[in-house]
Amino acid sequence: MSSLFSKEKIIYKTPAEIEIMREAAQIVSRTLGLIAAEIKPGADMLKIDKMAEEYIRSQNALPGFLGMYDFPNTLCVSLNAEVVHGYPKGKILKDGDIVSVDCGALFEGFYGDHAYTFEVGEVAPEIKELLKVTLECLNIGVEHTRVGNRIGDIGWAIQNHAEKHGYGVVKDLVGHGLGRTMHEEPQVPNYGRRGQGKKIQEGLVIAIEPMINLGTERVITAGDNWTILTADRKASAHFEHDVAVVNGVPEVLSTFKYVEEALAKK
């Protein structure tokens, strides 16, 4: 996400607030699991967007993205060279595509924010590897989210792993703090220097979301003023988890369990 932040100090969460945020994140996780079964060649992403909206509302929650900054949909749907913030309208999936689906939910005053990049049918081996490494980047970033580290340690770990594989790390967009607003401090870049940035403390809740490109790190904004594209039009992958610091160590509030179960059945 770009730098659309409440310019406030970091708001640390109580254990009770973290439990509410866990449910907000899990609603998003279940939503992604629901739509995972529908991600296939010929799927209409606008119909899937409506399905996601209906499910979130059925969970006594509100779609987190719908209407935020005037965004018109429940899901951000980004295909192939689209990095993030794409619209679902007009997108019919084809065999060999990849599609990043980013979703948010507002539950009892707190946000969940979670993303997964899906394969559509059979994708090229180099694309499979990009997705694999990007997911590894997310997990590595999560592991560095602990008391004693700084925000720069998270970005350094993600950048180091991605660049070791020859990929471009998007620097114009970052992860973020999460809570009663979707975008809180601190910003959580996917690049950085070890030992730099704000200290990680108990009660921190952040969205970690590596955006990793097959080619250049450079991105451009499409004419719709929303969709972010790779400058060389090569593929980009995006995965996101909500992570809380509990007892000094990272606790992932979201899960890919529901996605994985749906994909296994397919």
Protein backbone atom coordinates (compact mmCIF):
# COMPACT_ATOMS: atom_id res chain seq x y z
CA MET A 1 0.00 0.00 0.00
CA SER A 2 1.22 3.49 -0.73
CA SER A 3 1.84 6.00 2.02
CA LEU A 4 -1.78 6.77 2.98
CA PHE A 5 -1.20 6.96 6.71
CA SER A 6 -2.68 8.61 9.72
CA LYS A 7 0.29 10.74 10.71
CA GLU A 8 0.24 9.65 14.32
CA LYS A 9 2.56 7.80 16.61
CA ILE A 10 2.39 4.00 16.68
CA ILE A 11 -0.74 2.75 18.45
CA TYR A 12 0.07 -0.42 20.36
CA LYS A 13 -2.80 -2.84 20.88
CA THR A 14 -4.02 -4.49 24.08
CA PRO A 15 -4.49 -8.27 24.24
CA ALA A 16 -8.26 -7.78 23.97
CA GLU A 17 -7.87 -5.58 20.89
CA ILE A 18 -5.54 -8.12 19.29
CA GLU A 19 -8.21 -10.79 19.73
CA ILE A 20 -10.73 -8.62 17.89
CA MET A 21 -8.14 -8.02 15.16
CA ARG A 22 -7.54 -11.76 14.94
CA GLU A 23 -11.21 -12.26 14.10
CA ALA A 24 -11.13 -9.40 11.57
CA ALA A 25 -8.12 -11.04 9.92
CA GLN A 26 -9.76 -14.47 10.00
CA ILE A 27 -12.86 -13.10 8.27
CA VAL A 28 -10.59 -11.95 5.46
CA SER A 29 -8.80 -15.31 5.48
CA ARG A 30 -12.10 -17.17 5.14
CA THR A 31 -13.15 -14.80 2.35
CA LEU A 32 -9.96 -15.62 0.42
CA GLY A 33 -10.61 -19.31 1.03
CA LEU A 34 -14.13 -18.95 -0.32
CA ILE A 35 -13.05 -17.28 -3.53
CA ALA A 36 -10.05 -19.60 -3.99
CA ALA A 37 -12.43 -22.29 -5.22
CA GLU A 38 -13.65 -19.89 -7.94
CA ILE A 39 -10.23 -18.83 -9.26
CA LYS A 40 -10.00 -20.62 -12.61
CA PRO A 41 -9.89 -19.85 -16.33
CA GLY A 42 -13.06 -18.06 -17.40
CA ALA A 43 -13.84 -16.67 -13.93
CA ASP A 44 -15.31 -13.16 -13.83
CA MET A 45 -13.56 -11.26 -11.04
CA LEU A 46 -16.41 -8.79 -10.66
CA LYS A 47 -18.76 -11.66 -9.77
CA ILE A 48 -16.16 -12.95 -7.31
CA ASP A 49 -15.95 -9.46 -5.83
CA LYS A 50 -19.69 -9.52 -5.16
CA MET A 51 -19.37 -12.95 -3.57
CA ALA A 52 -16.66 -11.61 -1.26
CA GLU A 53 -18.76 -8.61 -0.27
CA GLU A 54 -21.76 -10.80 0.58
CA TYR A 55 -19.67 -13.16 2.67
CA ILE A 56 -17.98 -10.40 4.67
CA ARG A 57 -21.34 -8.81 5.45
CA SER A 58 -22.67 -12.22 6.55
CA GLN A 59 -19.91 -12.28 9.20
CA ASN A 60 -21.17 -9.10 10.90
CA ALA A 61 -18.34 -7.18 9.27
CA LEU A 62 -18.01 -4.54 6.57
CA PRO A 63 -15.84 -4.69 3.45
CA GLY A 64 -12.74 -2.75 4.43
CA PHE A 65 -11.80 -1.43 0.99
CA LEU A 66 -15.23 -0.58 -0.40
CA GLY A 67 -15.48 3.20 -0.49
CA MET A 68 -12.09 3.76 1.14
CA TYR A 69 -10.36 6.59 -0.72
CA ASP A 70 -13.32 6.19 -3.15
CA PHE A 71 -12.27 2.66 -4.17
CA PRO A 72 -15.39 1.08 -5.73
CA ASN A 73 -14.95 -2.59 -4.81
CA THR A 74 -14.47 -5.10 -2.01
CA LEU A 75 -11.39 -6.69 -3.57
CA CYS A 76 -8.26 -5.29 -5.14
CA VAL A 77 -7.62 -7.58 -8.11
CA SER A 78 -4.24 -7.30 -9.83
CA LEU A 79 -3.35 -9.47 -12.84
CA ASN A 80 0.12 -10.49 -14.01
CA ALA A 81 2.14 -7.25 -14.38
CA GLU A 82 -0.26 -5.39 -12.09
CA VAL A 83 1.36 -5.14 -8.68
CA VAL A 84 -1.53 -3.97 -6.47
CA HIS A 85 -4.71 -1.84 -6.35
CA GLY A 86 -6.29 -3.19 -9.54
CA TYR A 87 -10.05 -3.14 -10.13
CA PRO A 88 -11.99 -6.40 -10.57
CA LYS A 89 -14.28 -4.96 -13.26
CA GLY A 90 -13.63 -6.32 -16.73
CA LYS A 91 -11.18 -8.99 -15.59
CA ILE A 92 -11.89 -12.49 -16.91
CA LEU A 93 -9.18 -14.93 -15.88
CA LYS A 94 -7.19 -16.89 -18.47
CA ASP A 95 -5.08 -20.02 -18.20
CA GLY A 96 -1.54 -19.03 -17.23
CA ASP A 97 -2.53 -15.83 -15.42
CA ILE A 98 -1.62 -14.98 -11.86
CA VAL A 99 -3.98 -12.82 -9.85
CA SER A 100 -3.24 -11.01 -6.60
CA VAL A 101 -6.39 -10.64 -4.51
CA ASP A 102 -6.17 -8.17 -1.61
CA CYS A 103 -9.09 -7.94 0.79
CA GLY A 104 -10.00 -6.04 3.95
CA ALA A 105 -12.72 -6.32 6.60
CA LEU A 106 -13.85 -4.03 9.40
CA PHE A 107 -15.02 -5.97 12.45
CA GLU A 108 -16.00 -4.39 15.77
CA GLY A 109 -14.02 -1.27 14.93
CA PHE A 110 -10.79 -2.95 13.78
CA TYR A 111 -9.43 -3.87 10.37
CA GLY A 112 -8.08 -7.05 8.87
CA ASP A 113 -6.04 -6.80 5.65
CA HIS A 114 -4.76 -9.85 3.83
CA ALA A 115 -3.65 -10.88 0.31
CA TYR A 116 -2.79 -13.94 -1.75
CA THR A 117 -1.53 -14.37 -5.32
CA PHE A 118 -3.30 -17.22 -7.10
CA GLU A 119 -2.22 -19.30 -10.05
CA VAL A 120 -4.87 -19.60 -12.78
CA GLY A 121 -4.66 -22.98 -14.47
CA GLU A 122 -1.12 -23.87 -15.52
CA VAL A 123 1.44 -21.09 -15.10
CA ALA A 124 5.00 -20.93 -16.38
CA PRO A 125 7.75 -22.41 -14.16
CA GLU A 126 9.44 -19.01 -13.75
CA ILE A 127 6.15 -17.59 -12.45
CA LYS A 128 5.70 -20.46 -10.00
CA GLU A 129 9.17 -19.73 -8.66
CA LEU A 130 8.36 -16.03 -8.28
CA LEU A 131 5.29 -16.89 -6.20
CA LYS A 132 7.24 -19.38 -4.11
CA VAL A 133 10.00 -16.89 -3.30
CA THR A 134 7.55 -14.06 -2.57
CA LEU A 135 5.72 -16.26 -0.06
CA GLU A 136 9.08 -17.14 1.48
CA CYS A 137 9.80 -13.40 1.73
CA LEU A 138 6.57 -12.93 3.68
CA ASN A 139 7.41 -15.72 6.10
CA ILE A 140 10.95 -14.42 6.59
CA GLY A 141 9.58 -10.93 7.28
CA VAL A 142 7.19 -12.34 9.86
CA GLU A 143 10.03 -14.12 11.67
CA HIS A 144 11.89 -10.83 12.09
CA THR A 145 8.88 -9.14 13.71
CA ARG A 146 9.95 -9.53 17.33
CA VAL A 147 10.96 -7.44 20.30
CA GLY A 148 14.67 -6.61 20.06
CA ASN A 149 14.49 -5.96 16.32
CA ARG A 150 13.62 -2.83 14.37
CA ILE A 151 11.37 -2.25 11.38
CA GLY A 152 14.45 -2.12 9.14
CA ASP A 153 15.26 -5.71 10.06
CA ILE A 154 11.99 -6.85 8.47
CA GLY A 155 12.65 -4.98 5.23
CA TRP A 156 16.28 -6.07 5.10
CA ALA A 157 15.32 -9.74 5.43
CA ILE A 158 12.69 -9.51 2.69
CA GLN A 159 14.93 -7.57 0.32
CA ASN A 160 17.90 -9.86 0.88
CA HIS A 161 15.91 -12.99 0.08
CA ALA A 162 14.22 -11.55 -3.01
CA GLU A 163 17.34 -10.01 -4.51
CA LYS A 164 19.28 -13.21 -3.89
CA HIS A 165 16.94 -14.74 -6.47
CA GLY A 166 17.38 -11.85 -8.89
CA TYR A 167 13.98 -10.24 -8.34
CA GLY A 168 13.02 -6.58 -8.06
CA VAL A 169 11.69 -5.37 -4.71
CA VAL A 170 9.02 -2.67 -5.04
CA LYS A 171 10.09 0.38 -3.02
CA ASP A 172 7.29 2.80 -3.89
CA LEU A 173 4.75 0.82 -1.84
CA VAL A 174 5.00 -0.47 1.71
CA GLY A 175 3.29 -2.49 4.43
CA HIS A 176 1.80 -0.65 7.38
CA GLY A 177 0.48 -0.57 10.89
CA LEU A 178 -3.08 -1.75 11.30
CA GLY A 179 -5.86 -1.07 13.80
CA ARG A 180 -8.91 1.18 13.97
CA THR A 181 -7.72 2.66 10.68
CA MET A 182 -6.47 0.65 7.74
CA HIS A 183 -3.18 2.51 7.46
CA GLU A 184 -1.43 3.40 10.70
CA GLU A 185 2.16 4.00 11.57
CA PRO A 186 4.68 2.49 11.19
CA GLN A 187 5.34 2.17 7.51
CA VAL A 188 6.82 -1.29 6.84
CA PRO A 189 8.99 -1.23 3.71
CA ASN A 190 10.08 -4.42 1.98
CA TYR A 191 13.64 -3.14 1.92
CA GLY A 192 15.91 -1.62 4.52
CA ARG A 193 18.98 -1.84 6.70
CA ARG A 194 19.45 -4.03 9.74
CA GLY A 195 19.22 -2.16 13.00
CA GLN A 196 17.47 0.84 11.45
CA GLY A 197 13.95 2.17 11.93
CA LYS A 198 11.52 2.12 14.81
CA LYS A 199 11.89 -0.42 17.59
CA ILE A 200 9.49 -3.35 17.53
CA GLN A 201 7.55 -3.45 20.78
CA GLU A 202 4.90 -5.55 22.49
CA GLY A 203 1.42 -4.92 21.08
CA LEU A 204 2.58 -3.82 17.64
CA VAL A 205 0.24 -4.96 14.85
CA ILE A 206 1.39 -4.60 11.26
CA ALA A 207 0.50 -5.79 7.78
CA ILE A 208 3.58 -7.25 6.11
CA GLU A 209 3.14 -7.42 2.33
CA PRO A 210 6.10 -8.11 0.06
CA MET A 211 5.53 -7.02 -3.55
CA ILE A 212 8.18 -8.74 -5.62
CA ASN A 213 8.71 -8.36 -9.37
CA LEU A 214 10.11 -10.82 -11.88
CA GLY A 215 12.07 -7.97 -13.46
CA THR A 216 12.66 -4.35 -12.52
CA GLU A 217 11.69 -2.92 -9.15
CA ARG A 218 10.28 0.16 -10.89
CA VAL A 219 6.53 0.65 -11.06
CA ILE A 220 4.13 3.06 -12.75
CA THR A 221 0.53 4.08 -12.12
CA ALA A 222 -2.07 3.26 -14.77
CA GLY A 223 -4.48 5.81 -16.21
CA ASP A 224 -7.18 4.83 -13.71
CA ASN A 225 -4.97 6.40 -11.00
CA TRP A 226 -5.24 3.21 -8.95
CA THR A 227 -3.61 0.23 -10.62
CA ILE A 228 0.14 -0.06 -10.05
CA LEU A 229 2.07 -1.83 -12.85
CA THR A 230 5.63 -3.03 -13.26
CA ALA A 231 7.50 -0.64 -15.54
CA ASP A 232 8.75 -3.51 -17.73
CA ARG A 233 5.35 -5.29 -17.71
CA LYS A 234 6.86 -8.45 -16.24
CA ALA A 235 4.90 -10.34 -13.59
CA SER A 236 4.60 -9.29 -9.96
CA ALA A 237 3.57 -11.30 -6.88
CA HIS A 238 2.03 -10.08 -3.63
CA PHE A 239 1.28 -11.88 -0.35
CA GLU A 240 0.17 -10.27 2.92
CA HIS A 241 -0.33 -11.28 6.55
CA ASP A 242 -1.47 -9.39 9.65
CA VAL A 243 1.09 -9.89 12.42
CA ALA A 244 0.94 -8.99 16.12
CA VAL A 245 3.80 -8.97 18.60
CA VAL A 246 2.64 -11.09 21.55
CA ASN A 247 4.98 -12.03 24.39
CA GLY A 248 7.80 -10.55 22.35
CA VAL A 249 7.39 -12.78 19.28
CA PRO A 250 5.35 -12.65 16.06
CA GLU A 251 1.85 -14.07 16.03
CA VAL A 252 0.18 -14.27 12.62
CA LEU A 253 -3.46 -13.23 12.96
CA SER A 254 -4.43 -14.14 9.40
CA THR A 255 -3.99 -17.56 7.79
CA PHE A 256 -3.66 -19.16 4.37
CA LYS A 257 -5.20 -22.38 5.72
CA TYR A 258 -8.57 -21.79 4.05
CA VAL A 259 -6.95 -20.96 0.71
CA GLU A 260 -4.76 -24.04 0.87
CA GLU A 261 -7.73 -26.27 1.73
CA ALA A 262 -9.73 -24.90 -1.21
CA LEU A 263 -6.82 -25.28 -3.62
CA ALA A 264 -6.20 -28.87 -2.46
CA LYS A 265 -9.81 -29.76 -3.29
CA LYS A 266 -9.41 -28.25 -6.77
